[in-house]
Amino acid sequence: MRFSHAIELTEEDKNMGITTKIKILSENAERTGMGIIAGTFRRRADVFTGEGVIRTSGWGKYATEASKG
């Protein structure tokens, strides 16, 4: 996923009822809210990663199918 870790809420955010705030990151973001292991996995040469904001990565025999979600 191309989401950041949770961002600290302001008092205004809390008053508006917002419970979580995150950023949508660029396609090439080094680190995401998924963590270092998931980020390292998806950057491997033999791993296929889908497109869009919510992405799936796959490795092995059915990697391309897995990357399509």
PDB file of N, CA and C in Angstrom:
ATOM      1  N   MET A   1       0.839  -1.180   0.000  1.00  0.00           N
ATOM      2  CA  MET A   1       0.000   0.000   0.000  1.00  0.00           C
ATOM      3  C   MET A   1       0.875   1.231   0.000  1.00  0.00           C
ATOM      4  N   ARG A   2       0.409   2.255  -0.612  1.00  0.00           N
ATOM      5  CA  ARG A   2       1.166   3.490  -0.683  1.00  0.00           C
ATOM      6  C   ARG A   2       0.693   4.482   0.372  1.00  0.00           C
ATOM      7  N   PHE A   3       0.550   4.042   1.590  1.00  0.00           N
ATOM      8  CA  PHE A   3       0.102   4.905   2.673  1.00  0.00           C
ATOM      9  C   PHE A   3       1.230   5.129   3.663  1.00  0.00           C
ATOM     10  N   SER A   4       1.270   6.338   4.237  1.00  0.00           N
ATOM     11  CA  SER A   4       2.253   6.641   5.267  1.00  0.00           C
ATOM     12  C   SER A   4       1.797   6.039   6.590  1.00  0.00           C
ATOM     13  N   HIS A   5       2.675   6.125   7.564  1.00  0.00           N
ATOM     14  CA  HIS A   5       2.258   5.806   8.932  1.00  0.00           C
ATOM     15  C   HIS A   5       1.268   6.876   9.361  1.00  0.00           C
ATOM     16  N   ALA A   6       0.540   6.626  10.425  1.00  0.00           N
ATOM     17  CA  ALA A   6      -0.449   7.596  10.912  1.00  0.00           C
ATOM     18  C   ALA A   6       0.225   8.907  11.291  1.00  0.00           C
ATOM     19  N   ILE A   7      -0.430  10.007  10.955  1.00  0.00           N
ATOM     20  CA  ILE A   7       0.054  11.347  11.263  1.00  0.00           C
ATOM     21  C   ILE A   7      -0.681  11.838  12.504  1.00  0.00           C
ATOM     22  N   GLU A   8       0.048  12.531  13.370  1.00  0.00           N
ATOM     23  CA  GLU A   8      -0.553  13.025  14.603  1.00  0.00           C
ATOM     24  C   GLU A   8      -1.715  13.967  14.291  1.00  0.00           C
ATOM     25  N   LEU A   9      -2.820  13.769  15.008  1.00  0.00           N
ATOM     26  CA  LEU A   9      -4.018  14.583  14.807  1.00  0.00           C
ATOM     27  C   LEU A   9      -3.919  15.897  15.571  1.00  0.00           C
ATOM     28  N   THR A  10      -4.454  16.943  14.967  1.00  0.00           N
ATOM     29  CA  THR A  10      -4.551  18.228  15.652  1.00  0.00           C
ATOM     30  C   THR A  10      -5.862  18.250  16.436  1.00  0.00           C
ATOM     31  N   GLU A  11      -6.005  19.238  17.298  1.00  0.00           N
ATOM     32  CA  GLU A  11      -7.264  19.386  18.041  1.00  0.00           C
ATOM     33  C   GLU A  11      -8.420  19.626  17.076  1.00  0.00           C
ATOM     34  N   GLU A  12      -8.170  20.379  16.007  1.00  0.00           N
ATOM     35  CA  GLU A  12      -9.200  20.627  14.998  1.00  0.00           C
ATOM     36  C   GLU A  12      -9.639  19.316  14.344  1.00  0.00           C
ATOM     37  N   ASP A  13      -8.679  18.440  14.021  1.00  0.00           N
ATOM     38  CA  ASP A  13      -9.001  17.124  13.449  1.00  0.00           C
ATOM     39  C   ASP A  13      -9.903  16.346  14.399  1.00  0.00           C
ATOM     40  N   LYS A  14      -9.531  16.305  15.665  1.00  0.00           N
ATOM     41  CA  LYS A  14     -10.303  15.556  16.666  1.00  0.00           C
ATOM     42  C   LYS A  14     -11.714  16.121  16.805  1.00  0.00           C
ATOM     43  N   ASN A  15     -11.822  17.451  16.782  1.00  0.00           N
ATOM     44  CA  ASN A  15     -13.139  18.089  16.891  1.00  0.00           C
ATOM     45  C   ASN A  15     -14.024  17.783  15.689  1.00  0.00           C
ATOM     46  N   MET A  16     -13.406  17.533  14.536  1.00  0.00           N
ATOM     47  CA  MET A  16     -14.161  17.196  13.330  1.00  0.00           C
ATOM     48  C   MET A  16     -14.515  15.708  13.285  1.00  0.00           C
ATOM     49  N   GLY A  17     -14.063  14.935  14.271  1.00  0.00           N
ATOM     50  CA  GLY A  17     -14.364  13.515  14.318  1.00  0.00           C
ATOM     51  C   GLY A  17     -13.382  12.637  13.554  1.00  0.00           C
ATOM     52  N   ILE A  18     -12.263  13.210  13.112  1.00  0.00           N
ATOM     53  CA  ILE A  18     -11.245  12.437  12.392  1.00  0.00           C
ATOM     54  C   ILE A  18     -10.521  11.550  13.393  1.00  0.00           C
ATOM     55  N   THR A  19     -10.392  10.291  13.081  1.00  0.00           N
ATOM     56  CA  THR A  19      -9.739   9.353  13.995  1.00  0.00           C
ATOM     57  C   THR A  19      -8.354   8.915  13.518  1.00  0.00           C
ATOM     58  N   THR A  20      -8.093   9.006  12.211  1.00  0.00           N
ATOM     59  CA  THR A  20      -6.788   8.640  11.662  1.00  0.00           C
ATOM     60  C   THR A  20      -6.499   9.528  10.465  1.00  0.00           C
ATOM     61  N   LYS A  21      -5.241   9.940  10.348  1.00  0.00           N
ATOM     62  CA  LYS A  21      -4.840  10.779   9.223  1.00  0.00           C
ATOM     63  C   LYS A  21      -3.560  10.184   8.640  1.00  0.00           C
ATOM     64  N   ILE A  22      -3.559   9.980   7.298  1.00  0.00           N
ATOM     65  CA  ILE A  22      -2.405   9.421   6.602  1.00  0.00           C
ATOM     66  C   ILE A  22      -2.190  10.177   5.296  1.00  0.00           C
ATOM     67  N   LYS A  23      -1.039   9.954   4.665  1.00  0.00           N
ATOM     68  CA  LYS A  23      -0.765  10.515   3.345  1.00  0.00           C
ATOM     69  C   LYS A  23      -0.749   9.385   2.331  1.00  0.00           C
ATOM     70  N   ILE A  24      -1.178   9.684   1.104  1.00  0.00           N
ATOM     71  CA  ILE A  24      -1.014   8.745  -0.003  1.00  0.00           C
ATOM     72  C   ILE A  24       0.339   9.068  -0.618  1.00  0.00           C
ATOM     73  N   LEU A  25       1.211   8.092  -0.669  1.00  0.00           N
ATOM     74  CA  LEU A  25       2.584   8.287  -1.117  1.00  0.00           C
ATOM     75  C   LEU A  25       2.732   8.059  -2.618  1.00  0.00           C
ATOM     76  N   SER A  26       3.849   8.495  -3.160  1.00  0.00           N
ATOM     77  CA  SER A  26       4.128   8.316  -4.586  1.00  0.00           C
ATOM     78  C   SER A  26       4.400   6.848  -4.897  1.00  0.00           C
ATOM     79  N   GLU A  27       4.349   6.501  -6.161  1.00  0.00           N
ATOM     80  CA  GLU A  27       4.605   5.125  -6.606  1.00  0.00           C
ATOM     81  C   GLU A  27       5.977   4.616  -6.162  1.00  0.00           C
ATOM     82  N   ASN A  28       6.962   5.508  -6.106  1.00  0.00           N
ATOM     83  CA  ASN A  28       8.333   5.108  -5.809  1.00  0.00           C
ATOM     84  C   ASN A  28       8.751   5.385  -4.373  1.00  0.00           C
ATOM     85  N   ALA A  29       7.812   5.553  -3.478  1.00  0.00           N
ATOM     86  CA  ALA A  29       8.144   5.852  -2.086  1.00  0.00           C
ATOM     87  C   ALA A  29       9.008   4.735  -1.505  1.00  0.00           C
ATOM     88  N   GLU A  30      10.098   5.126  -0.875  1.00  0.00           N
ATOM     89  CA  GLU A  30      11.008   4.144  -0.276  1.00  0.00           C
ATOM     90  C   GLU A  30      10.348   3.405   0.883  1.00  0.00           C
ATOM     91  N   ARG A  31       9.682   4.138   1.752  1.00  0.00           N
ATOM     92  CA  ARG A  31       9.072   3.533   2.929  1.00  0.00           C
ATOM     93  C   ARG A  31       7.580   3.851   2.958  1.00  0.00           C
ATOM     94  N   THR A  32       6.810   2.886   3.385  1.00  0.00           N
ATOM     95  CA  THR A  32       5.367   3.074   3.503  1.00  0.00           C
ATOM     96  C   THR A  32       4.918   2.637   4.885  1.00  0.00           C
ATOM     97  N   GLY A  33       3.657   2.739   5.155  1.00  0.00           N
ATOM     98  CA  GLY A  33       3.110   2.297   6.423  1.00  0.00           C
ATOM     99  C   GLY A  33       3.151   0.783   6.592  1.00  0.00           C
ATOM    100  N   MET A  34       3.472   0.057   5.534  1.00  0.00           N
ATOM    101  CA  MET A  34       3.533  -1.406   5.612  1.00  0.00           C
ATOM    102  C   MET A  34       4.798  -1.891   6.315  1.00  0.00           C
ATOM    103  N   GLY A  35       5.849  -1.083   6.319  1.00  0.00           N
ATOM    104  CA  GLY A  35       7.069  -1.465   7.018  1.00  0.00           C
ATOM    105  C   GLY A  35       8.207  -1.844   6.085  1.00  0.00           C
ATOM    106  N   ILE A  36       9.369  -2.015   6.669  1.00  0.00           N
ATOM    107  CA  ILE A  36      10.595  -2.246   5.918  1.00  0.00           C
ATOM    108  C   ILE A  36      10.607  -3.609   5.214  1.00  0.00           C
ATOM    109  N   ILE A  37      10.040  -4.631   5.810  1.00  0.00           N
ATOM    110  CA  ILE A  37      10.057  -5.961   5.189  1.00  0.00           C
ATOM    111  C   ILE A  37       9.196  -5.976   3.932  1.00  0.00           C
ATOM    112  N   ALA A  38       7.989  -5.440   4.026  1.00  0.00           N
ATOM    113  CA  ALA A  38       7.110  -5.384   2.850  1.00  0.00           C
ATOM    114  C   ALA A  38       7.707  -4.493   1.773  1.00  0.00           C
ATOM    115  N   GLY A  39       8.320  -3.375   2.166  1.00  0.00           N
ATOM    116  CA  GLY A  39       8.932  -2.473   1.203  1.00  0.00           C
ATOM    117  C   GLY A  39      10.108  -3.117   0.487  1.00  0.00           C
ATOM    118  N   THR A  40      10.933  -3.843   1.222  1.00  0.00           N
ATOM    119  CA  THR A  40      12.080  -4.533   0.630  1.00  0.00           C
ATOM    120  C   THR A  40      11.605  -5.633  -0.308  1.00  0.00           C
ATOM    121  N   PHE A  41      10.583  -6.375   0.082  1.00  0.00           N
ATOM    122  CA  PHE A  41      10.034  -7.453  -0.737  1.00  0.00           C
ATOM    123  C   PHE A  41       9.546  -6.926  -2.076  1.00  0.00           C
ATOM    124  N   ARG A  42       8.760  -5.866  -2.054  1.00  0.00           N
ATOM    125  CA  ARG A  42       8.168  -5.372  -3.307  1.00  0.00           C
ATOM    126  C   ARG A  42       9.195  -4.781  -4.256  1.00  0.00           C
ATOM    127  N   ARG A  43      10.378  -4.409  -3.768  1.00  0.00           N
ATOM    128  CA  ARG A  43      11.421  -3.849  -4.629  1.00  0.00           C
ATOM    129  C   ARG A  43      12.343  -4.910  -5.226  1.00  0.00           C
ATOM    130  N   ARG A  44      12.164  -6.176  -4.873  1.00  0.00           N
ATOM    131  CA  ARG A  44      12.999  -7.236  -5.441  1.00  0.00           C
ATOM    132  C   ARG A  44      12.730  -7.364  -6.939  1.00  0.00           C
ATOM    133  N   ALA A  45      13.765  -7.746  -7.689  1.00  0.00           N
ATOM    134  CA  ALA A  45      13.649  -7.863  -9.151  1.00  0.00           C
ATOM    135  C   ALA A  45      12.672  -8.956  -9.573  1.00  0.00           C
ATOM    136  N   ASP A  46      12.515 -10.003  -8.761  1.00  0.00           N
ATOM    137  CA  ASP A  46      11.651 -11.125  -9.132  1.00  0.00           C
ATOM    138  C   ASP A  46      10.244 -11.038  -8.529  1.00  0.00           C
ATOM    139  N   VAL A  47       9.878  -9.872  -8.021  1.00  0.00           N
ATOM    140  CA  VAL A  47       8.553  -9.661  -7.433  1.00  0.00           C
ATOM    141  C   VAL A  47       7.746  -8.745  -8.351  1.00  0.00           C
ATOM    142  N   PHE A  48       6.504  -9.112  -8.590  1.00  0.00           N
ATOM    143  CA  PHE A  48       5.591  -8.297  -9.402  1.00  0.00           C
ATOM    144  C   PHE A  48       4.644  -7.574  -8.450  1.00  0.00           C
ATOM    145  N   THR A  49       4.470  -6.283  -8.666  1.00  0.00           N
ATOM    146  CA  THR A  49       3.581  -5.485  -7.825  1.00  0.00           C
ATOM    147  C   THR A  49       2.536  -4.828  -8.711  1.00  0.00           C
ATOM    148  N   GLY A  50       1.291  -4.910  -8.266  1.00  0.00           N
ATOM    149  CA  GLY A  50       0.184  -4.324  -9.021  1.00  0.00           C
ATOM    150  C   GLY A  50       0.251  -2.808  -9.033  1.00  0.00           C
ATOM    151  N   GLU A  51      -0.785  -2.196  -9.556  1.00  0.00           N
ATOM    152  CA  GLU A  51      -0.842  -0.745  -9.685  1.00  0.00           C
ATOM    153  C   GLU A  51      -1.937  -0.186  -8.799  1.00  0.00           C
ATOM    154  N   GLY A  52      -1.913   1.118  -8.624  1.00  0.00           N
ATOM    155  CA  GLY A  52      -2.933   1.790  -7.837  1.00  0.00           C
ATOM    156  C   GLY A  52      -2.470   2.084  -6.423  1.00  0.00           C
ATOM    157  N   VAL A  53      -3.381   2.611  -5.634  1.00  0.00           N
ATOM    158  CA  VAL A  53      -3.051   2.985  -4.262  1.00  0.00           C
ATOM    159  C   VAL A  53      -2.942   1.746  -3.377  1.00  0.00           C
ATOM    160  N   ILE A  54      -3.890   0.844  -3.494  1.00  0.00           N
ATOM    161  CA  ILE A  54      -3.848  -0.404  -2.725  1.00  0.00           C
ATOM    162  C   ILE A  54      -3.346  -1.484  -3.669  1.00  0.00           C
ATOM    163  N   ARG A  55      -2.096  -1.912  -3.456  1.00  0.00           N
ATOM    164  CA  ARG A  55      -1.443  -2.833  -4.377  1.00  0.00           C
ATOM    165  C   ARG A  55      -1.144  -4.163  -3.701  1.00  0.00           C
ATOM    166  N   THR A  56      -1.058  -5.194  -4.515  1.00  0.00           N
ATOM    167  CA  THR A  56      -0.668  -6.521  -4.061  1.00  0.00           C
ATOM    168  C   THR A  56       0.608  -6.904  -4.783  1.00  0.00           C
ATOM    169  N   SER A  57       1.524  -7.539  -4.075  1.00  0.00           N
ATOM    170  CA  SER A  57       2.761  -8.020  -4.687  1.00  0.00           C
ATOM    171  C   SER A  57       2.767  -9.534  -4.677  1.00  0.00           C
ATOM    172  N   GLY A  58       3.410 -10.112  -5.698  1.00  0.00           N
ATOM    173  CA  GLY A  58       3.491 -11.565  -5.783  1.00  0.00           C
ATOM    174  C   GLY A  58       4.877 -12.016  -6.221  1.00  0.00           C
ATOM    175  N   TRP A  59       5.246 -13.213  -5.788  1.00  0.00           N
ATOM    176  CA  TRP A  59       6.536 -13.791  -6.115  1.00  0.00           C
ATOM    177  C   TRP A  59       6.313 -15.274  -6.400  1.00  0.00           C
ATOM    178  N   GLY A  60       7.016 -15.808  -7.356  1.00  0.00           N
ATOM    179  CA  GLY A  60       6.912 -17.232  -7.637  1.00  0.00           C
ATOM    180  C   GLY A  60       6.056 -17.539  -8.846  1.00  0.00           C
ATOM    181  N   LYS A  61       5.587 -18.776  -8.905  1.00  0.00           N
ATOM    182  CA  LYS A  61       4.873 -19.290 -10.068  1.00  0.00           C
ATOM    183  C   LYS A  61       3.664 -18.441 -10.467  1.00  0.00           C
ATOM    184  N   TYR A  62       2.905 -17.972  -9.497  1.00  0.00           N
ATOM    185  CA  TYR A  62       1.678 -17.209  -9.783  1.00  0.00           C
ATOM    186  C   TYR A  62       1.820 -15.729  -9.428  1.00  0.00           C
ATOM    187  N   ALA A  63       3.026 -15.211  -9.552  1.00  0.00           N
ATOM    188  CA  ALA A  63       3.304 -13.827  -9.145  1.00  0.00           C
ATOM    189  C   ALA A  63       2.477 -12.814  -9.912  1.00  0.00           C
ATOM    190  N   THR A  64       2.380 -12.969 -11.219  1.00  0.00           N
ATOM    191  CA  THR A  64       1.632 -11.978 -11.998  1.00  0.00           C
ATOM    192  C   THR A  64       0.152 -12.004 -11.653  1.00  0.00           C
ATOM    193  N   GLU A  65      -0.406 -13.174 -11.406  1.00  0.00           N
ATOM    194  CA  GLU A  65      -1.810 -13.276 -11.018  1.00  0.00           C
ATOM    195  C   GLU A  65      -2.020 -12.644  -9.633  1.00  0.00           C
ATOM    196  N   ALA A  66      -1.095 -12.901  -8.714  1.00  0.00           N
ATOM    197  CA  ALA A  66      -1.210 -12.358  -7.367  1.00  0.00           C
ATOM    198  C   ALA A  66      -1.123 -10.829  -7.385  1.00  0.00           C
ATOM    199  N   SER A  67      -0.302 -10.288  -8.261  1.00  0.00           N
ATOM    200  CA  SER A  67      -0.133  -8.841  -8.315  1.00  0.00           C
ATOM    201  C   SER A  67      -1.380  -8.127  -8.839  1.00  0.00           C
ATOM    202  N   LYS A  68      -2.283  -8.860  -9.439  1.00  0.00           N
ATOM    203  CA  LYS A  68      -3.529  -8.278  -9.934  1.00  0.00           C
ATOM    204  C   LYS A  68      -4.598  -8.251  -8.852  1.00  0.00           C
ATOM    205  N   GLY A  69      -4.275  -8.803  -7.686  1.00  0.00           N
ATOM    206  CA  GLY A  69      -5.220  -8.782  -6.568  1.00  0.00           C
ATOM    207  C   GLY A  69      -6.037  -9.990  -6.574  1.00  0.00           C
TER     208      GLY A  69
END
